[in-house]
Amino acid sequence: MDPVAALEEIAFLLERDRASAFKSKAFRRAAEAVRGLDADEIAARVRDGRLKRTAGIGDSTFTVIAQAVDGAVPDRLADLRTAAGLSPTGVVEGLRAELRGDLHSHTDWSDGTTSLEVMARAAAALGLEYLAITDHSPSLRVANGLSAERLAEQLQLLADVQARVRDIRLLAGIEVDILLDGSLDQTPEMFDRLDVVVASVHSKLRMERAEMTERMLRAIADPYMNVLGHCTGRLVEGSRGTRPQSTFDAEAVFAACAEHDVAVEINSRPERQDPPDELIQVALEAGCLFSIDSDSHAPGHLTFLELGAARAAANGVPAERIITTWPADRLIEWAAAGR
């Protein structure tokens, strides 16, 4: 097994389990210490003891590297995979194996924890073909949302990172706020430069049912909107506590999504599990498309896709109606079609 991939996946899984940042960073430091060395050189340094004396390599990370060099799945990695409900050998099965990409991820440009390049390399290491970078829009100040000027700067960085990271396609995107009047929180000029637009309600989640319905319907009718993010805003577990779901006319909202070719996100974060199962069924009956997304704020969160895929499968969502199973070119063409 590739030692760098093993170290990075351990860091991902530690982040997914909300371990202290210190633990995941130790494995990332070790990955950087051996990145660029070919397999024979790493093996030689393991055998003669030089690797143990390398800055950034500790006892735990050395053991992982040594076991990977021997061709085995390191014990630490197998244990973490098992604890996460994944195959200890790393075999991806079922609907998760059909997912090609992820349309909802955050970086340290807004409220994510790591750089755009780290997120890109993490997604590539997990076998994704494409990743949309969708940091927040300006009205979400608590999440350091991007003004049009900052978004333009990020798009230049995206192009620079893409030139260095060739084994995944990076899509220009945004998670834009659905404002109180249903408008989308970014300029048309910037929307025209993006590959995909995820739109979500983040404020006034307890609006009256009729008002929330109208707010969402106006947003869904906007030709720039591609994906309705975490539609109820609920929280069912986690450090932020719980939060009840927003109330809206689900039949009307999902009928509008089907009419305007807006995909309904199945948000994979364990604290969200949004939409609830009963609303997935309403969206299915309405004829909606779906997008299984991680809503990742750290590299390890990308593995949440497994949870979203499991919920979609349990609810009978067919793969052909999940846009993140599509090739990138088809997805981009679909996203631009209504503009």
C-alpha atoms as a PDB file:
ATOM      1  CA  MET A   1       0.000   0.000   0.000  1.00  0.00           C
ATOM      2  CA  ASP A   2       1.175   3.547  -0.712  1.00  0.00           C
ATOM      3  CA  PRO A   3       2.476   4.913   2.643  1.00  0.00           C
ATOM      4  CA  VAL A   4       1.481   8.506   1.848  1.00  0.00           C
ATOM      5  CA  ALA A   5      -2.087   7.469   1.006  1.00  0.00           C
ATOM      6  CA  ALA A   6      -2.267   5.417   4.222  1.00  0.00           C
ATOM      7  CA  LEU A   7      -1.081   8.333   6.363  1.00  0.00           C
ATOM      8  CA  GLU A   8      -3.475  10.771   4.708  1.00  0.00           C
ATOM      9  CA  GLU A   9      -6.459   8.446   5.054  1.00  0.00           C
ATOM     10  CA  ILE A  10      -5.714   7.975   8.757  1.00  0.00           C
ATOM     11  CA  ALA A  11      -5.698  11.769   9.121  1.00  0.00           C
ATOM     12  CA  PHE A  12      -9.037  11.933   7.251  1.00  0.00           C
ATOM     13  CA  LEU A  13     -10.633   9.335   9.500  1.00  0.00           C
ATOM     14  CA  LEU A  14      -9.346  10.960  12.673  1.00  0.00           C
ATOM     15  CA  GLU A  15     -10.930  14.239  11.553  1.00  0.00           C
ATOM     16  CA  ARG A  16     -14.147  12.453  10.687  1.00  0.00           C
ATOM     17  CA  ASP A  17     -14.254  11.062  14.214  1.00  0.00           C
ATOM     18  CA  ARG A  18     -13.625  14.589  15.549  1.00  0.00           C
ATOM     19  CA  ALA A  19     -10.312  13.588  17.124  1.00  0.00           C
ATOM     20  CA  SER A  20      -8.064  16.413  18.287  1.00  0.00           C
ATOM     21  CA  ALA A  21      -6.465  18.347  15.435  1.00  0.00           C
ATOM     22  CA  PHE A  22      -3.098  17.473  16.938  1.00  0.00           C
ATOM     23  CA  LYS A  23      -3.547  13.792  16.066  1.00  0.00           C
ATOM     24  CA  SER A  24      -4.525  14.288  12.440  1.00  0.00           C
ATOM     25  CA  LYS A  25      -1.767  16.860  11.917  1.00  0.00           C
ATOM     26  CA  ALA A  26       0.850  14.356  13.108  1.00  0.00           C
ATOM     27  CA  PHE A  27      -0.120  11.968  10.303  1.00  0.00           C
ATOM     28  CA  ARG A  28      -0.216  14.799   7.762  1.00  0.00           C
ATOM     29  CA  ARG A  29       3.295  15.905   8.804  1.00  0.00           C
ATOM     30  CA  ALA A  30       4.529  12.356   8.314  1.00  0.00           C
ATOM     31  CA  ALA A  31       2.915  12.210   4.866  1.00  0.00           C
ATOM     32  CA  GLU A  32       4.718  15.403   3.867  1.00  0.00           C
ATOM     33  CA  ALA A  33       8.003  14.006   5.206  1.00  0.00           C
ATOM     34  CA  VAL A  34       7.947  11.074   2.765  1.00  0.00           C
ATOM     35  CA  ARG A  35       6.025  12.629  -0.127  1.00  0.00           C
ATOM     36  CA  GLY A  36       8.225  12.728  -3.197  1.00  0.00           C
ATOM     37  CA  LEU A  37      10.314   9.696  -2.186  1.00  0.00           C
ATOM     38  CA  ASP A  38       9.862   6.681  -4.413  1.00  0.00           C
ATOM     39  CA  ALA A  39       8.772   3.349  -2.937  1.00  0.00           C
ATOM     40  CA  ASP A  40      12.261   1.820  -3.016  1.00  0.00           C
ATOM     41  CA  GLU A  41      13.792   4.776  -1.182  1.00  0.00           C
ATOM     42  CA  ILE A  42      11.120   4.709   1.538  1.00  0.00           C
ATOM     43  CA  ALA A  43      11.661   0.955   1.988  1.00  0.00           C
ATOM     44  CA  ALA A  44      15.427   1.446   2.247  1.00  0.00           C
ATOM     45  CA  ARG A  45      15.010   4.147   4.891  1.00  0.00           C
ATOM     46  CA  VAL A  46      12.656   1.916   6.875  1.00  0.00           C
ATOM     47  CA  ARG A  47      15.196  -0.950   6.803  1.00  0.00           C
ATOM     48  CA  ASP A  48      18.279   1.042   7.807  1.00  0.00           C
ATOM     49  CA  GLY A  49      16.540   3.150  10.441  1.00  0.00           C
ATOM     50  CA  ARG A  50      16.939   6.520   8.750  1.00  0.00           C
ATOM     51  CA  LEU A  51      13.200   7.007   8.536  1.00  0.00           C
ATOM     52  CA  LYS A  52      12.838   6.827  12.331  1.00  0.00           C
ATOM     53  CA  ARG A  53      15.279   9.708  12.617  1.00  0.00           C
ATOM     54  CA  THR A  54      13.437  11.863  10.058  1.00  0.00           C
ATOM     55  CA  ALA A  55      11.776  15.046  11.291  1.00  0.00           C
ATOM     56  CA  GLY A  56       8.013  14.613  11.361  1.00  0.00           C
ATOM     57  CA  ILE A  57       8.117  10.830  11.831  1.00  0.00           C
ATOM     58  CA  GLY A  58       7.128   9.413  15.229  1.00  0.00           C
ATOM     59  CA  ASP A  59       6.679   5.872  16.515  1.00  0.00           C
ATOM     60  CA  SER A  60       3.037   5.582  15.397  1.00  0.00           C
ATOM     61  CA  THR A  61       3.604   7.039  11.947  1.00  0.00           C
ATOM     62  CA  PHE A  62       6.749   4.938  11.450  1.00  0.00           C
ATOM     63  CA  THR A  63       4.745   1.782  12.180  1.00  0.00           C
ATOM     64  CA  VAL A  64       2.114   2.795   9.633  1.00  0.00           C
ATOM     65  CA  ILE A  65       4.764   3.433   6.974  1.00  0.00           C
ATOM     66  CA  ALA A  66       6.593   0.174   7.705  1.00  0.00           C
ATOM     67  CA  GLN A  67       3.410  -1.896   7.466  1.00  0.00           C
ATOM     68  CA  ALA A  68       2.404  -0.139   4.227  1.00  0.00           C
ATOM     69  CA  VAL A  69       5.864  -0.783   2.747  1.00  0.00           C
ATOM     70  CA  ASP A  70       5.381  -4.483   3.521  1.00  0.00           C
ATOM     71  CA  GLY A  71       2.238  -4.411   1.381  1.00  0.00           C
ATOM     72  CA  ALA A  72      -0.252  -4.659   4.239  1.00  0.00           C
ATOM     73  CA  VAL A  73      -3.089  -2.352   5.231  1.00  0.00           C
ATOM     74  CA  PRO A  74      -1.642  -0.735   8.386  1.00  0.00           C
ATOM     75  CA  ASP A  75      -3.343  -1.881  11.583  1.00  0.00           C
ATOM     76  CA  ARG A  76      -4.190   1.684  12.619  1.00  0.00           C
ATOM     77  CA  LEU A  77      -5.909   2.325   9.297  1.00  0.00           C
ATOM     78  CA  ALA A  78      -7.850  -0.959   9.346  1.00  0.00           C
ATOM     79  CA  ASP A  79      -9.082  -0.208  12.879  1.00  0.00           C
ATOM     80  CA  LEU A  80     -10.241   3.284  11.958  1.00  0.00           C
ATOM     81  CA  ARG A  81     -12.012   2.037   8.849  1.00  0.00           C
ATOM     82  CA  THR A  82     -13.814  -0.628  10.872  1.00  0.00           C
ATOM     83  CA  ALA A  83     -14.836   1.884  13.548  1.00  0.00           C
ATOM     84  CA  ALA A  84     -16.260   4.134  10.826  1.00  0.00           C
ATOM     85  CA  GLY A  85     -18.350   1.303   9.409  1.00  0.00           C
ATOM     86  CA  LEU A  86     -16.151   1.012   6.323  1.00  0.00           C
ATOM     87  CA  SER A  87     -14.439  -1.995   4.832  1.00  0.00           C
ATOM     88  CA  PRO A  88     -11.107  -2.511   6.656  1.00  0.00           C
ATOM     89  CA  THR A  89      -9.477  -3.298   3.300  1.00  0.00           C
ATOM     90  CA  GLY A  90     -10.726  -0.026   1.812  1.00  0.00           C
ATOM     91  CA  VAL A  91     -13.013  -1.603  -0.770  1.00  0.00           C
ATOM     92  CA  VAL A  92     -15.767   0.849  -1.761  1.00  0.00           C
ATOM     93  CA  GLU A  93     -19.026  -0.900  -2.544  1.00  0.00           C
ATOM     94  CA  GLY A  94     -22.659  -0.243  -3.405  1.00  0.00           C
ATOM     95  CA  LEU A  95     -23.942   3.217  -4.292  1.00  0.00           C
ATOM     96  CA  ARG A  96     -20.861   4.911  -2.818  1.00  0.00           C
ATOM     97  CA  ALA A  97     -18.768   3.207  -5.500  1.00  0.00           C
ATOM     98  CA  GLU A  98     -20.886   4.932  -8.161  1.00  0.00           C
ATOM     99  CA  LEU A  99     -20.253   8.462  -6.830  1.00  0.00           C
ATOM    100  CA  ARG A 100     -17.799  10.333  -9.027  1.00  0.00           C
ATOM    101  CA  GLY A 101     -17.761  13.668  -7.240  1.00  0.00           C
ATOM    102  CA  ASP A 102     -18.837  15.961  -4.437  1.00  0.00           C
ATOM    103  CA  LEU A 103     -20.515  19.337  -4.996  1.00  0.00           C
ATOM    104  CA  HIS A 104     -20.328  20.799  -1.472  1.00  0.00           C
ATOM    105  CA  SER A 105     -17.022  21.479   0.296  1.00  0.00           C
ATOM    106  CA  HIS A 106     -15.489  24.320   2.295  1.00  0.00           C
ATOM    107  CA  THR A 107     -11.957  25.606   2.747  1.00  0.00           C
ATOM    108  CA  ASP A 108     -10.224  28.083   5.030  1.00  0.00           C
ATOM    109  CA  TRP A 109     -11.423  30.843   2.721  1.00  0.00           C
ATOM    110  CA  SER A 110     -14.698  30.678   4.665  1.00  0.00           C
ATOM    111  CA  ASP A 111     -15.338  28.339   7.616  1.00  0.00           C
ATOM    112  CA  GLY A 112     -13.335  25.280   6.568  1.00  0.00           C
ATOM    113  CA  THR A 113     -10.202  24.248   8.431  1.00  0.00           C
ATOM    114  CA  THR A 114      -7.724  23.618   5.621  1.00  0.00           C
ATOM    115  CA  SER A 115      -6.504  25.043   2.353  1.00  0.00           C
ATOM    116  CA  LEU A 116      -8.049  24.529  -1.040  1.00  0.00           C
ATOM    117  CA  GLU A 117      -5.060  22.443  -2.143  1.00  0.00           C
ATOM    118  CA  VAL A 118      -5.260  20.129   0.887  1.00  0.00           C
ATOM    119  CA  MET A 119      -8.960  19.556   0.210  1.00  0.00           C
ATOM    120  CA  ALA A 120      -8.229  18.843  -3.458  1.00  0.00           C
ATOM    121  CA  ARG A 121      -5.502  16.314  -2.668  1.00  0.00           C
ATOM    122  CA  ALA A 122      -7.696  14.649  -0.047  1.00  0.00           C
ATOM    123  CA  ALA A 123     -10.566  14.224  -2.489  1.00  0.00           C
ATOM    124  CA  ALA A 124      -8.180  12.803  -5.090  1.00  0.00           C
ATOM    125  CA  ALA A 125      -6.749  10.360  -2.548  1.00  0.00           C
ATOM    126  CA  LEU A 126     -10.275   9.116  -1.838  1.00  0.00           C
ATOM    127  CA  GLY A 127     -10.776   8.368  -5.530  1.00  0.00           C
ATOM    128  CA  LEU A 128     -13.145  11.198  -6.453  1.00  0.00           C
ATOM    129  CA  GLU A 129     -13.025  12.416 -10.037  1.00  0.00           C
ATOM    130  CA  TYR A 130     -14.161  15.961  -9.247  1.00  0.00           C
ATOM    131  CA  LEU A 131     -14.714  18.274  -6.287  1.00  0.00           C
ATOM    132  CA  ALA A 132     -16.632  21.567  -6.204  1.00  0.00           C
ATOM    133  CA  ILE A 133     -15.222  24.200  -3.871  1.00  0.00           C
ATOM    134  CA  THR A 134     -18.303  25.920  -2.440  1.00  0.00           C
ATOM    135  CA  ASP A 135     -17.341  28.406   0.234  1.00  0.00           C
ATOM    136  CA  HIS A 136     -20.012  30.641   1.736  1.00  0.00           C
ATOM    137  CA  SER A 137     -21.419  33.876   0.303  1.00  0.00           C
ATOM    138  CA  PRO A 138     -20.989  37.360   1.855  1.00  0.00           C
ATOM    139  CA  SER A 139     -24.116  37.634   4.005  1.00  0.00           C
ATOM    140  CA  LEU A 140     -22.982  34.703   6.181  1.00  0.00           C
ATOM    141  CA  ARG A 141     -20.460  36.819   8.059  1.00  0.00           C
ATOM    142  CA  VAL A 142     -20.111  34.316  10.901  1.00  0.00           C
ATOM    143  CA  ALA A 143     -18.640  31.902   8.328  1.00  0.00           C
ATOM    144  CA  ASN A 144     -16.397  34.556   6.709  1.00  0.00           C
ATOM    145  CA  GLY A 145     -18.457  34.488   3.516  1.00  0.00           C
ATOM    146  CA  LEU A 146     -16.800  35.579   0.280  1.00  0.00           C
ATOM    147  CA  SER A 147     -17.516  38.934  -1.306  1.00  0.00           C
ATOM    148  CA  ALA A 148     -17.453  39.078  -5.090  1.00  0.00           C
ATOM    149  CA  GLU A 149     -13.874  40.363  -4.890  1.00  0.00           C
ATOM    150  CA  ARG A 150     -12.704  37.553  -2.616  1.00  0.00           C
ATOM    151  CA  LEU A 151     -14.503  34.959  -4.722  1.00  0.00           C
ATOM    152  CA  ALA A 152     -12.694  36.287  -7.805  1.00  0.00           C
ATOM    153  CA  GLU A 153      -9.388  35.860  -5.957  1.00  0.00           C
ATOM    154  CA  GLN A 154     -10.333  32.327  -4.984  1.00  0.00           C
ATOM    155  CA  LEU A 155     -11.114  31.450  -8.604  1.00  0.00           C
ATOM    156  CA  GLN A 156      -7.556  32.431  -9.560  1.00  0.00           C
ATOM    157  CA  LEU A 157      -6.209  30.243  -6.752  1.00  0.00           C
ATOM    158  CA  LEU A 158      -8.440  27.398  -7.946  1.00  0.00           C
ATOM    159  CA  ALA A 159      -6.827  27.607 -11.380  1.00  0.00           C
ATOM    160  CA  ASP A 160      -3.353  27.633  -9.820  1.00  0.00           C
ATOM    161  CA  VAL A 161      -4.105  24.581  -7.654  1.00  0.00           C
ATOM    162  CA  GLN A 162      -5.631  22.746 -10.607  1.00  0.00           C
ATOM    163  CA  ALA A 163      -2.368  23.235 -12.490  1.00  0.00           C
ATOM    164  CA  ARG A 164      -0.523  21.454  -9.670  1.00  0.00           C
ATOM    165  CA  VAL A 165      -3.116  18.809  -8.732  1.00  0.00           C
ATOM    166  CA  ARG A 166      -3.828  16.916 -11.934  1.00  0.00           C
ATOM    167  CA  ASP A 167      -5.552  13.773 -10.632  1.00  0.00           C
ATOM    168  CA  ILE A 168      -8.871  15.455  -9.805  1.00  0.00           C
ATOM    169  CA  ARG A 169     -10.997  18.054 -11.566  1.00  0.00           C
ATOM    170  CA  LEU A 170     -11.773  21.098  -9.442  1.00  0.00           C
ATOM    171  CA  LEU A 171     -15.080  22.840 -10.065  1.00  0.00           C
ATOM    172  CA  ALA A 172     -15.675  26.499  -9.272  1.00  0.00           C
ATOM    173  CA  GLY A 173     -18.666  26.805  -6.992  1.00  0.00           C
ATOM    174  CA  ILE A 174     -20.336  28.512  -4.061  1.00  0.00           C
ATOM    175  CA  GLU A 175     -22.759  27.718  -1.268  1.00  0.00           C
ATOM    176  CA  VAL A 176     -24.856  30.813  -1.635  1.00  0.00           C
ATOM    177  CA  ASP A 177     -27.310  32.018   0.977  1.00  0.00           C
ATOM    178  CA  ILE A 178     -30.995  32.118   0.124  1.00  0.00           C
ATOM    179  CA  LEU A 179     -31.808  35.562   1.502  1.00  0.00           C
ATOM    180  CA  LEU A 180     -35.052  36.443   3.278  1.00  0.00           C
ATOM    181  CA  ASP A 181     -36.719  37.556   0.056  1.00  0.00           C
ATOM    182  CA  GLY A 182     -35.576  34.427  -1.803  1.00  0.00           C
ATOM    183  CA  SER A 183     -32.819  36.119  -3.790  1.00  0.00           C
ATOM    184  CA  LEU A 184     -29.352  34.574  -4.043  1.00  0.00           C
ATOM    185  CA  ASP A 185     -26.480  36.245  -2.219  1.00  0.00           C
ATOM    186  CA  GLN A 186     -23.949  36.877  -5.011  1.00  0.00           C
ATOM    187  CA  THR A 187     -23.696  38.927  -8.185  1.00  0.00           C
ATOM    188  CA  PRO A 188     -24.842  37.600 -11.590  1.00  0.00           C
ATOM    189  CA  GLU A 189     -21.365  38.389 -12.928  1.00  0.00           C
ATOM    190  CA  MET A 190     -19.790  35.987 -10.433  1.00  0.00           C
ATOM    191  CA  PHE A 191     -22.463  33.313 -10.938  1.00  0.00           C
ATOM    192  CA  ASP A 192     -21.570  33.377 -14.641  1.00  0.00           C
ATOM    193  CA  ARG A 193     -18.004  32.364 -13.732  1.00  0.00           C
ATOM    194  CA  LEU A 194     -19.021  29.344 -11.658  1.00  0.00           C
ATOM    195  CA  ASP A 195     -19.563  25.716 -12.612  1.00  0.00           C
ATOM    196  CA  VAL A 196     -22.111  24.931  -9.901  1.00  0.00           C
ATOM    197  CA  VAL A 197     -24.258  26.838  -7.389  1.00  0.00           C
ATOM    198  CA  VAL A 198     -25.518  25.236  -4.183  1.00  0.00           C
ATOM    199  CA  ALA A 199     -28.123  27.434  -2.480  1.00  0.00           C
ATOM    200  CA  SER A 200     -29.088  27.009   1.192  1.00  0.00           C
ATOM    201  CA  VAL A 201     -31.151  28.707   3.880  1.00  0.00           C
ATOM    202  CA  HIS A 202     -28.946  29.668   6.843  1.00  0.00           C
ATOM    203  CA  SER A 203     -30.950  32.429   8.538  1.00  0.00           C
ATOM    204  CA  LYS A 204     -34.418  32.811  10.067  1.00  0.00           C
ATOM    205  CA  LEU A 205     -34.883  29.045  10.010  1.00  0.00           C
ATOM    206  CA  ARG A 206     -38.046  29.308  12.111  1.00  0.00           C
ATOM    207  CA  MET A 207     -39.972  31.428   9.610  1.00  0.00           C
ATOM    208  CA  GLU A 208     -43.655  30.690   9.239  1.00  0.00           C
ATOM    209  CA  ARG A 209     -44.374  27.802   6.883  1.00  0.00           C
ATOM    210  CA  ALA A 210     -45.958  29.917   4.128  1.00  0.00           C
ATOM    211  CA  GLU A 211     -43.185  32.521   4.211  1.00  0.00           C
ATOM    212  CA  MET A 212     -40.436  29.886   4.109  1.00  0.00           C
ATOM    213  CA  THR A 213     -42.160  28.164   1.216  1.00  0.00           C
ATOM    214  CA  GLU A 214     -42.317  31.392  -0.811  1.00  0.00           C
ATOM    215  CA  ARG A 215     -38.700  32.182   0.045  1.00  0.00           C
ATOM    216  CA  MET A 216     -37.540  28.787  -1.203  1.00  0.00           C
ATOM    217  CA  LEU A 217     -39.742  28.820  -4.306  1.00  0.00           C
ATOM    218  CA  ARG A 218     -38.327  32.154  -5.439  1.00  0.00           C
ATOM    219  CA  ALA A 219     -34.772  30.860  -5.011  1.00  0.00           C
ATOM    220  CA  ILE A 220     -35.504  27.626  -6.888  1.00  0.00           C
ATOM    221  CA  ALA A 221     -36.859  29.638  -9.827  1.00  0.00           C
ATOM    222  CA  ASP A 222     -33.553  31.531 -10.105  1.00  0.00           C
ATOM    223  CA  PRO A 223     -31.768  30.200 -13.226  1.00  0.00           C
ATOM    224  CA  TYR A 224     -28.393  30.228 -11.460  1.00  0.00           C
ATOM    225  CA  MET A 225     -29.429  27.747  -8.763  1.00  0.00           C
ATOM    226  CA  ASN A 226     -28.382  24.115  -9.305  1.00  0.00           C
ATOM    227  CA  VAL A 227     -28.639  22.354  -5.915  1.00  0.00           C
ATOM    228  CA  LEU A 228     -30.894  22.951  -2.901  1.00  0.00           C
ATOM    229  CA  GLY A 229     -28.581  22.460   0.068  1.00  0.00           C
ATOM    230  CA  HIS A 230     -29.604  20.854   3.416  1.00  0.00           C
ATOM    231  CA  CYS A 231     -33.199  21.870   2.845  1.00  0.00           C
ATOM    232  CA  THR A 232     -34.589  21.718   6.412  1.00  0.00           C
ATOM    233  CA  GLY A 233     -31.568  23.113   8.272  1.00  0.00           C
ATOM    234  CA  ARG A 234     -32.074  20.584  11.061  1.00  0.00           C
ATOM    235  CA  LEU A 235     -29.396  19.295  13.456  1.00  0.00           C
ATOM    236  CA  VAL A 236     -29.925  15.878  15.021  1.00  0.00           C
ATOM    237  CA  GLU A 237     -26.663  15.434  16.963  1.00  0.00           C
ATOM    238  CA  GLY A 238     -23.228  16.895  17.559  1.00  0.00           C
ATOM    239  CA  SER A 239     -21.424  19.659  19.407  1.00  0.00           C
ATOM    240  CA  ARG A 240     -23.810  22.389  18.220  1.00  0.00           C
ATOM    241  CA  GLY A 241     -26.741  20.597  19.853  1.00  0.00           C
ATOM    242  CA  THR A 242     -29.975  19.795  18.074  1.00  0.00           C
ATOM    243  CA  ARG A 243     -32.261  22.022  16.019  1.00  0.00           C
ATOM    244  CA  PRO A 244     -35.724  21.245  14.657  1.00  0.00           C
ATOM    245  CA  GLN A 245     -36.288  21.281  10.928  1.00  0.00           C
ATOM    246  CA  SER A 246     -37.718  24.281   9.133  1.00  0.00           C
ATOM    247  CA  THR A 247     -41.303  23.966   8.037  1.00  0.00           C
ATOM    248  CA  PHE A 248     -42.333  24.496   4.413  1.00  0.00           C
ATOM    249  CA  ASP A 249     -44.689  22.994   1.860  1.00  0.00           C
ATOM    250  CA  ALA A 250     -42.461  20.096   0.799  1.00  0.00           C
ATOM    251  CA  GLU A 251     -44.683  19.017  -2.083  1.00  0.00           C
ATOM    252  CA  ALA A 252     -44.628  22.518  -3.576  1.00  0.00           C
ATOM    253  CA  VAL A 253     -40.894  22.987  -3.028  1.00  0.00           C
ATOM    254  CA  PHE A 254     -39.884  19.642  -4.520  1.00  0.00           C
ATOM    255  CA  ALA A 255     -42.304  20.038  -7.423  1.00  0.00           C
ATOM    256  CA  ALA A 256     -40.543  23.341  -8.154  1.00  0.00           C
ATOM    257  CA  CYS A 257     -37.143  21.615  -7.948  1.00  0.00           C
ATOM    258  CA  ALA A 258     -38.301  19.054 -10.503  1.00  0.00           C
ATOM    259  CA  GLU A 259     -39.763  21.768 -12.756  1.00  0.00           C
ATOM    260  CA  HIS A 260     -36.636  23.951 -12.670  1.00  0.00           C
ATOM    261  CA  ASP A 261     -34.154  21.047 -12.776  1.00  0.00           C
ATOM    262  CA  VAL A 262     -32.711  21.826  -9.323  1.00  0.00           C
ATOM    263  CA  ALA A 263     -31.226  18.823  -7.524  1.00  0.00           C
ATOM    264  CA  VAL A 264     -32.117  18.137  -3.898  1.00  0.00           C
ATOM    265  CA  GLU A 265     -29.025  17.625  -1.789  1.00  0.00           C
ATOM    266  CA  ILE A 266     -28.732  14.555   0.413  1.00  0.00           C
ATOM    267  CA  ASN A 267     -26.393  16.120   2.954  1.00  0.00           C
ATOM    268  CA  SER A 268     -24.068  13.442   4.313  1.00  0.00           C
ATOM    269  CA  ARG A 269     -23.021  15.105   7.560  1.00  0.00           C
ATOM    270  CA  PRO A 270     -24.059  12.915  10.500  1.00  0.00           C
ATOM    271  CA  GLU A 271     -25.368  15.875  12.492  1.00  0.00           C
ATOM    272  CA  ARG A 272     -27.639  16.941   9.624  1.00  0.00           C
ATOM    273  CA  GLN A 273     -28.996  13.801   7.883  1.00  0.00           C
ATOM    274  CA  ASP A 274     -30.927  16.249   5.761  1.00  0.00           C
ATOM    275  CA  PRO A 275     -33.493  15.811   4.225  1.00  0.00           C
ATOM    276  CA  PRO A 276     -35.195  13.431   6.644  1.00  0.00           C
ATOM    277  CA  ASP A 277     -36.205  10.111   5.112  1.00  0.00           C
ATOM    278  CA  GLU A 278     -39.838  11.117   4.701  1.00  0.00           C
ATOM    279  CA  LEU A 279     -38.840  14.182   2.661  1.00  0.00           C
ATOM    280  CA  ILE A 280     -36.515  12.132   0.463  1.00  0.00           C
ATOM    281  CA  GLN A 281     -39.613  10.105  -0.401  1.00  0.00           C
ATOM    282  CA  VAL A 282     -41.584  13.258  -1.245  1.00  0.00           C
ATOM    283  CA  ALA A 283     -38.739  14.438  -3.501  1.00  0.00           C
ATOM    284  CA  LEU A 284     -38.555  11.030  -5.166  1.00  0.00           C
ATOM    285  CA  GLU A 285     -42.265  11.075  -5.929  1.00  0.00           C
ATOM    286  CA  ALA A 286     -41.967  14.610  -7.305  1.00  0.00           C
ATOM    287  CA  GLY A 287     -39.389  13.392  -9.834  1.00  0.00           C
ATOM    288  CA  CYS A 288     -36.423  15.293  -8.398  1.00  0.00           C
ATOM    289  CA  LEU A 289     -32.765  14.775  -9.108  1.00  0.00           C
ATOM    290  CA  PHE A 290     -30.456  14.409  -6.094  1.00  0.00           C
ATOM    291  CA  SER A 291     -26.887  15.334  -5.186  1.00  0.00           C
ATOM    292  CA  ILE A 292     -25.077  13.317  -2.494  1.00  0.00           C
ATOM    293  CA  ASP A 293     -22.599  15.753  -0.913  1.00  0.00           C
ATOM    294  CA  SER A 294     -20.260  15.727   2.063  1.00  0.00           C
ATOM    295  CA  ASP A 295     -20.604  19.397   3.143  1.00  0.00           C
ATOM    296  CA  SER A 296     -17.018  18.884   4.255  1.00  0.00           C
ATOM    297  CA  HIS A 297     -15.180  21.488   6.319  1.00  0.00           C
ATOM    298  CA  ALA A 298     -12.028  19.354   6.720  1.00  0.00           C
ATOM    299  CA  PRO A 299     -10.429  16.640   4.576  1.00  0.00           C
ATOM    300  CA  GLY A 300     -11.707  13.793   6.743  1.00  0.00           C
ATOM    301  CA  HIS A 301     -15.275  14.965   6.297  1.00  0.00           C
ATOM    302  CA  LEU A 302     -15.120  13.888   2.647  1.00  0.00           C
ATOM    303  CA  THR A 303     -15.622  10.321   3.858  1.00  0.00           C
ATOM    304  CA  PHE A 304     -19.119  11.336   5.024  1.00  0.00           C
ATOM    305  CA  LEU A 305     -20.166  10.533   1.444  1.00  0.00           C
ATOM    306  CA  GLU A 306     -20.419   6.924   2.604  1.00  0.00           C
ATOM    307  CA  LEU A 307     -23.182   7.924   5.029  1.00  0.00           C
ATOM    308  CA  GLY A 308     -25.101   9.915   2.431  1.00  0.00           C
ATOM    309  CA  ALA A 309     -24.874   7.068  -0.077  1.00  0.00           C
ATOM    310  CA  ALA A 310     -26.189   4.624   2.533  1.00  0.00           C
ATOM    311  CA  ARG A 311     -29.206   6.865   3.259  1.00  0.00           C
ATOM    312  CA  ALA A 312     -29.931   7.292  -0.441  1.00  0.00           C
ATOM    313  CA  ALA A 313     -29.747   3.550  -1.029  1.00  0.00           C
ATOM    314  CA  ALA A 314     -31.977   2.824   1.969  1.00  0.00           C
ATOM    315  CA  ASN A 315     -34.571   5.213   0.542  1.00  0.00           C
ATOM    316  CA  GLY A 316     -34.485   3.643  -2.914  1.00  0.00           C
ATOM    317  CA  VAL A 317     -32.932   6.604  -4.742  1.00  0.00           C
ATOM    318  CA  PRO A 318     -31.764   5.259  -8.129  1.00  0.00           C
ATOM    319  CA  ALA A 319     -28.189   6.043  -9.148  1.00  0.00           C
ATOM    320  CA  GLU A 320     -29.279   7.555 -12.463  1.00  0.00           C
ATOM    321  CA  ARG A 321     -31.118  10.326 -10.587  1.00  0.00           C
ATOM    322  CA  ILE A 322     -28.038  11.263  -8.540  1.00  0.00           C
ATOM    323  CA  ILE A 323     -26.069  13.940 -10.367  1.00  0.00           C
ATOM    324  CA  THR A 324     -22.854  13.179  -8.464  1.00  0.00           C
ATOM    325  CA  THR A 325     -22.744   9.812 -10.267  1.00  0.00           C
ATOM    326  CA  TRP A 326     -22.466  11.688 -13.577  1.00  0.00           C
ATOM    327  CA  PRO A 327     -19.169  12.450 -15.364  1.00  0.00           C
ATOM    328  CA  ALA A 328     -17.939  16.007 -14.805  1.00  0.00           C
ATOM    329  CA  ASP A 329     -18.615  17.188 -18.372  1.00  0.00           C
ATOM    330  CA  ARG A 330     -22.239  16.061 -18.219  1.00  0.00           C
ATOM    331  CA  LEU A 331     -22.665  17.686 -14.798  1.00  0.00           C
ATOM    332  CA  ILE A 332     -21.220  21.024 -15.928  1.00  0.00           C
ATOM    333  CA  GLU A 333     -23.360  21.043 -19.058  1.00  0.00           C
ATOM    334  CA  TRP A 334     -26.468  20.319 -16.967  1.00  0.00           C
ATOM    335  CA  ALA A 335     -25.615  23.055 -14.445  1.00  0.00           C
ATOM    336  CA  ALA A 336     -25.200  25.675 -17.174  1.00  0.00           C
ATOM    337  CA  ALA A 337     -28.240  24.672 -19.208  1.00  0.00           C
ATOM    338  CA  GLY A 338     -30.804  27.005 -17.641  1.00  0.00           C
ATOM    339  CA  ARG A 339     -28.702  30.138 -17.373  1.00  0.00           C
END
